[in-house]
Amino acid sequence: MQSMKTKIEVQFQDKDVNVNDIEKAVKEDLKAKGVKLNTLANLDVYYKPEDGSIYYVAATKDKKEYNVEDAPLYI
C-alpha cells in the first residue's frame, strides 16, 4: 500500500503559497538561530496571506521560547 501525499496551499488574491514552504522558512530561521529542531516541544506558526508575513512561537522541551524578533518572515 502506498502512502498518501498531501499538498496544502493558501490562495489569496493572485498568490498561491504552499504550506510546506511556510514551514520550511520557519525551520530555517530557527536553525539560523542555533535551535535544534529535535529539542522543540511546540511550534505554532501564523501566516498572514494579505502581506505574506509569517510569525511563529517555538518552545523547547526545557521551556526556552523563540519567535520572530524584530520583523516577521516573508514568503
N, C-alpha and C. Protein backbone atom coordinates (compact mmCIF):
# COMPACT_ATOMS: atom_id res chain seq x y z
N MET A 1 0.84 -1.19 0.00
CA MET A 1 0.00 0.00 0.00
C MET A 1 0.88 1.25 0.00
N GLN A 2 0.58 2.19 -0.87
CA GLN A 2 1.35 3.42 -0.96
C GLN A 2 0.79 4.46 0.01
N SER A 3 1.71 5.29 0.52
CA SER A 3 1.24 6.34 1.42
C SER A 3 0.69 7.51 0.61
N MET A 4 -0.26 8.18 1.16
CA MET A 4 -0.89 9.30 0.50
C MET A 4 -0.04 10.55 0.63
N LYS A 5 0.05 11.32 -0.44
CA LYS A 5 0.74 12.61 -0.39
C LYS A 5 -0.32 13.70 -0.30
N THR A 6 -0.05 14.67 0.54
CA THR A 6 -0.97 15.79 0.71
C THR A 6 -0.26 17.08 0.35
N LYS A 7 -0.96 17.93 -0.37
CA LYS A 7 -0.44 19.26 -0.71
C LYS A 7 -1.48 20.27 -0.25
N ILE A 8 -1.05 21.21 0.58
CA ILE A 8 -1.96 22.25 1.06
C ILE A 8 -1.41 23.60 0.63
N GLU A 9 -2.25 24.37 -0.05
CA GLU A 9 -1.86 25.71 -0.48
C GLU A 9 -2.85 26.73 0.04
N VAL A 10 -2.33 27.90 0.34
CA VAL A 10 -3.17 29.03 0.71
C VAL A 10 -3.24 29.92 -0.52
N GLN A 11 -4.45 30.18 -0.98
CA GLN A 11 -4.65 31.05 -2.13
C GLN A 11 -5.32 32.33 -1.65
N PHE A 12 -4.67 33.44 -2.01
CA PHE A 12 -5.21 34.73 -1.60
C PHE A 12 -4.88 35.74 -2.69
N GLN A 13 -5.87 36.40 -3.22
CA GLN A 13 -5.71 37.32 -4.34
C GLN A 13 -4.96 36.60 -5.45
N ASP A 14 -3.82 37.09 -5.89
CA ASP A 14 -3.10 36.46 -7.01
C ASP A 14 -1.94 35.61 -6.53
N LYS A 15 -1.95 35.18 -5.30
CA LYS A 15 -0.80 34.48 -4.74
C LYS A 15 -1.19 33.09 -4.25
N ASP A 16 -0.36 32.10 -4.58
CA ASP A 16 -0.51 30.74 -4.07
C ASP A 16 0.72 30.41 -3.24
N VAL A 17 0.53 30.00 -2.00
CA VAL A 17 1.66 29.66 -1.13
C VAL A 17 1.45 28.26 -0.58
N ASN A 18 2.45 27.42 -0.76
CA ASN A 18 2.40 26.06 -0.24
C ASN A 18 2.72 26.08 1.25
N VAL A 19 1.92 25.38 2.03
CA VAL A 19 2.11 25.35 3.48
C VAL A 19 3.49 24.79 3.84
N ASN A 20 3.99 23.85 3.05
CA ASN A 20 5.33 23.29 3.31
C ASN A 20 6.41 24.36 3.20
N ASP A 21 6.23 25.33 2.29
CA ASP A 21 7.20 26.41 2.15
C ASP A 21 7.20 27.33 3.37
N ILE A 22 6.03 27.52 3.96
CA ILE A 22 5.93 28.32 5.19
C ILE A 22 6.67 27.61 6.31
N GLU A 23 6.42 26.32 6.46
CA GLU A 23 7.09 25.54 7.50
C GLU A 23 8.61 25.53 7.29
N LYS A 24 9.04 25.39 6.06
CA LYS A 24 10.47 25.38 5.75
C LYS A 24 11.12 26.71 6.13
N ALA A 25 10.46 27.83 5.84
CA ALA A 25 11.01 29.15 6.18
C ALA A 25 11.18 29.30 7.69
N VAL A 26 10.21 28.82 8.45
CA VAL A 26 10.28 28.91 9.91
C VAL A 26 11.42 28.04 10.44
N LYS A 27 11.51 26.81 9.95
CA LYS A 27 12.55 25.91 10.42
C LYS A 27 13.94 26.42 10.07
N GLU A 28 14.10 27.01 8.89
CA GLU A 28 15.39 27.60 8.52
C GLU A 28 15.75 28.76 9.43
N ASP A 29 14.75 29.57 9.80
CA ASP A 29 15.01 30.69 10.71
C ASP A 29 15.44 30.18 12.08
N LEU A 30 14.78 29.15 12.57
CA LEU A 30 15.14 28.57 13.86
C LEU A 30 16.56 27.99 13.82
N LYS A 31 16.88 27.27 12.75
CA LYS A 31 18.22 26.70 12.61
C LYS A 31 19.27 27.81 12.58
N ALA A 32 18.96 28.91 11.90
CA ALA A 32 19.89 30.04 11.84
C ALA A 32 20.13 30.64 13.22
N LYS A 33 19.15 30.48 14.12
CA LYS A 33 19.28 30.96 15.50
C LYS A 33 19.97 29.93 16.39
N GLY A 34 20.37 28.80 15.79
CA GLY A 34 21.07 27.77 16.55
C GLY A 34 20.16 26.80 17.29
N VAL A 35 18.88 26.81 16.95
CA VAL A 35 17.93 25.92 17.61
C VAL A 35 17.93 24.57 16.90
N LYS A 36 18.09 23.50 17.66
CA LYS A 36 17.99 22.16 17.11
C LYS A 36 16.51 21.77 17.11
N LEU A 37 16.01 21.42 15.93
CA LEU A 37 14.58 21.16 15.80
C LEU A 37 14.11 19.99 16.67
N ASN A 38 14.98 19.04 16.96
CA ASN A 38 14.56 17.91 17.78
C ASN A 38 14.43 18.28 19.26
N THR A 39 14.79 19.52 19.61
CA THR A 39 14.60 19.98 21.00
C THR A 39 13.26 20.68 21.19
N LEU A 40 12.50 20.87 20.10
CA LEU A 40 11.24 21.60 20.19
C LEU A 40 10.12 20.74 20.76
N ALA A 41 9.35 21.34 21.63
CA ALA A 41 8.15 20.69 22.17
C ALA A 41 6.91 21.17 21.41
N ASN A 42 6.88 22.47 21.07
CA ASN A 42 5.75 23.08 20.35
C ASN A 42 6.28 24.04 19.30
N LEU A 43 5.58 24.12 18.19
CA LEU A 43 5.88 25.11 17.16
C LEU A 43 4.55 25.59 16.61
N ASP A 44 4.21 26.83 16.91
CA ASP A 44 2.97 27.44 16.42
C ASP A 44 3.34 28.45 15.34
N VAL A 45 2.74 28.30 14.17
CA VAL A 45 3.06 29.14 13.02
C VAL A 45 1.80 29.88 12.58
N TYR A 46 1.96 31.16 12.30
CA TYR A 46 0.85 32.01 11.87
C TYR A 46 1.23 32.68 10.55
N TYR A 47 0.38 32.55 9.55
CA TYR A 47 0.64 33.12 8.23
C TYR A 47 -0.46 34.13 7.89
N LYS A 48 -0.05 35.33 7.49
CA LYS A 48 -1.00 36.37 7.09
C LYS A 48 -0.91 36.51 5.57
N PRO A 49 -1.86 35.92 4.84
CA PRO A 49 -1.76 35.93 3.38
C PRO A 49 -1.86 37.31 2.75
N GLU A 50 -2.49 38.26 3.44
CA GLU A 50 -2.65 39.59 2.83
C GLU A 50 -1.32 40.28 2.59
N ASP A 51 -0.30 39.99 3.40
CA ASP A 51 1.01 40.61 3.16
C ASP A 51 2.15 39.59 3.10
N GLY A 52 1.82 38.29 3.17
CA GLY A 52 2.84 37.25 3.06
C GLY A 52 3.73 37.11 4.27
N SER A 53 3.28 37.63 5.43
CA SER A 53 4.13 37.58 6.62
C SER A 53 3.89 36.30 7.42
N ILE A 54 4.97 35.84 8.05
CA ILE A 54 4.93 34.63 8.86
C ILE A 54 5.42 34.96 10.26
N TYR A 55 4.67 34.54 11.24
CA TYR A 55 5.05 34.69 12.64
C TYR A 55 5.07 33.30 13.26
N TYR A 56 5.87 33.12 14.28
CA TYR A 56 5.87 31.83 14.97
C TYR A 56 6.29 31.98 16.42
N VAL A 57 5.92 30.98 17.20
CA VAL A 57 6.37 30.84 18.58
C VAL A 57 6.80 29.38 18.72
N ALA A 58 8.04 29.18 19.11
CA ALA A 58 8.58 27.84 19.29
C ALA A 58 9.03 27.70 20.74
N ALA A 59 8.66 26.58 21.35
CA ALA A 59 9.06 26.31 22.74
C ALA A 59 9.85 25.00 22.76
N THR A 60 10.99 25.04 23.42
CA THR A 60 11.79 23.83 23.54
C THR A 60 11.31 23.01 24.74
N LYS A 61 11.78 21.78 24.80
CA LYS A 61 11.39 20.88 25.89
C LYS A 61 11.86 21.41 27.24
N ASP A 62 12.94 22.23 27.24
CA ASP A 62 13.41 22.81 28.50
C ASP A 62 12.86 24.23 28.72
N LYS A 63 11.75 24.54 28.07
CA LYS A 63 10.95 25.76 28.28
C LYS A 63 11.56 27.05 27.73
N LYS A 64 12.56 26.98 26.86
CA LYS A 64 13.04 28.20 26.20
C LYS A 64 12.06 28.52 25.07
N GLU A 65 11.89 29.83 24.82
CA GLU A 65 10.94 30.24 23.79
C GLU A 65 11.64 31.07 22.73
N TYR A 66 11.29 30.82 21.49
CA TYR A 66 11.84 31.55 20.35
C TYR A 66 10.68 32.04 19.50
N ASN A 67 10.89 33.21 18.87
CA ASN A 67 9.88 33.73 17.96
C ASN A 67 10.55 34.67 16.96
N VAL A 68 9.74 35.24 16.10
CA VAL A 68 10.25 36.24 15.17
C VAL A 68 10.48 37.49 15.99
N GLU A 69 11.72 37.94 16.03
CA GLU A 69 12.06 39.02 16.96
C GLU A 69 11.70 40.41 16.45
N ASP A 70 12.44 40.95 15.51
CA ASP A 70 12.24 42.33 15.09
C ASP A 70 11.21 42.48 13.96
N ALA A 71 11.19 41.50 13.08
CA ALA A 71 10.30 41.59 11.92
C ALA A 71 9.86 40.18 11.53
N PRO A 72 8.68 40.06 10.94
CA PRO A 72 8.22 38.74 10.52
C PRO A 72 9.05 38.20 9.36
N LEU A 73 8.91 36.94 9.10
CA LEU A 73 9.48 36.34 7.89
C LEU A 73 8.49 36.63 6.77
N TYR A 74 8.96 36.61 5.54
CA TYR A 74 8.08 36.82 4.39
C TYR A 74 8.26 35.73 3.37
N ILE A 75 7.17 35.39 2.70
CA ILE A 75 7.23 34.39 1.65
C ILE A 75 6.43 34.87 0.46
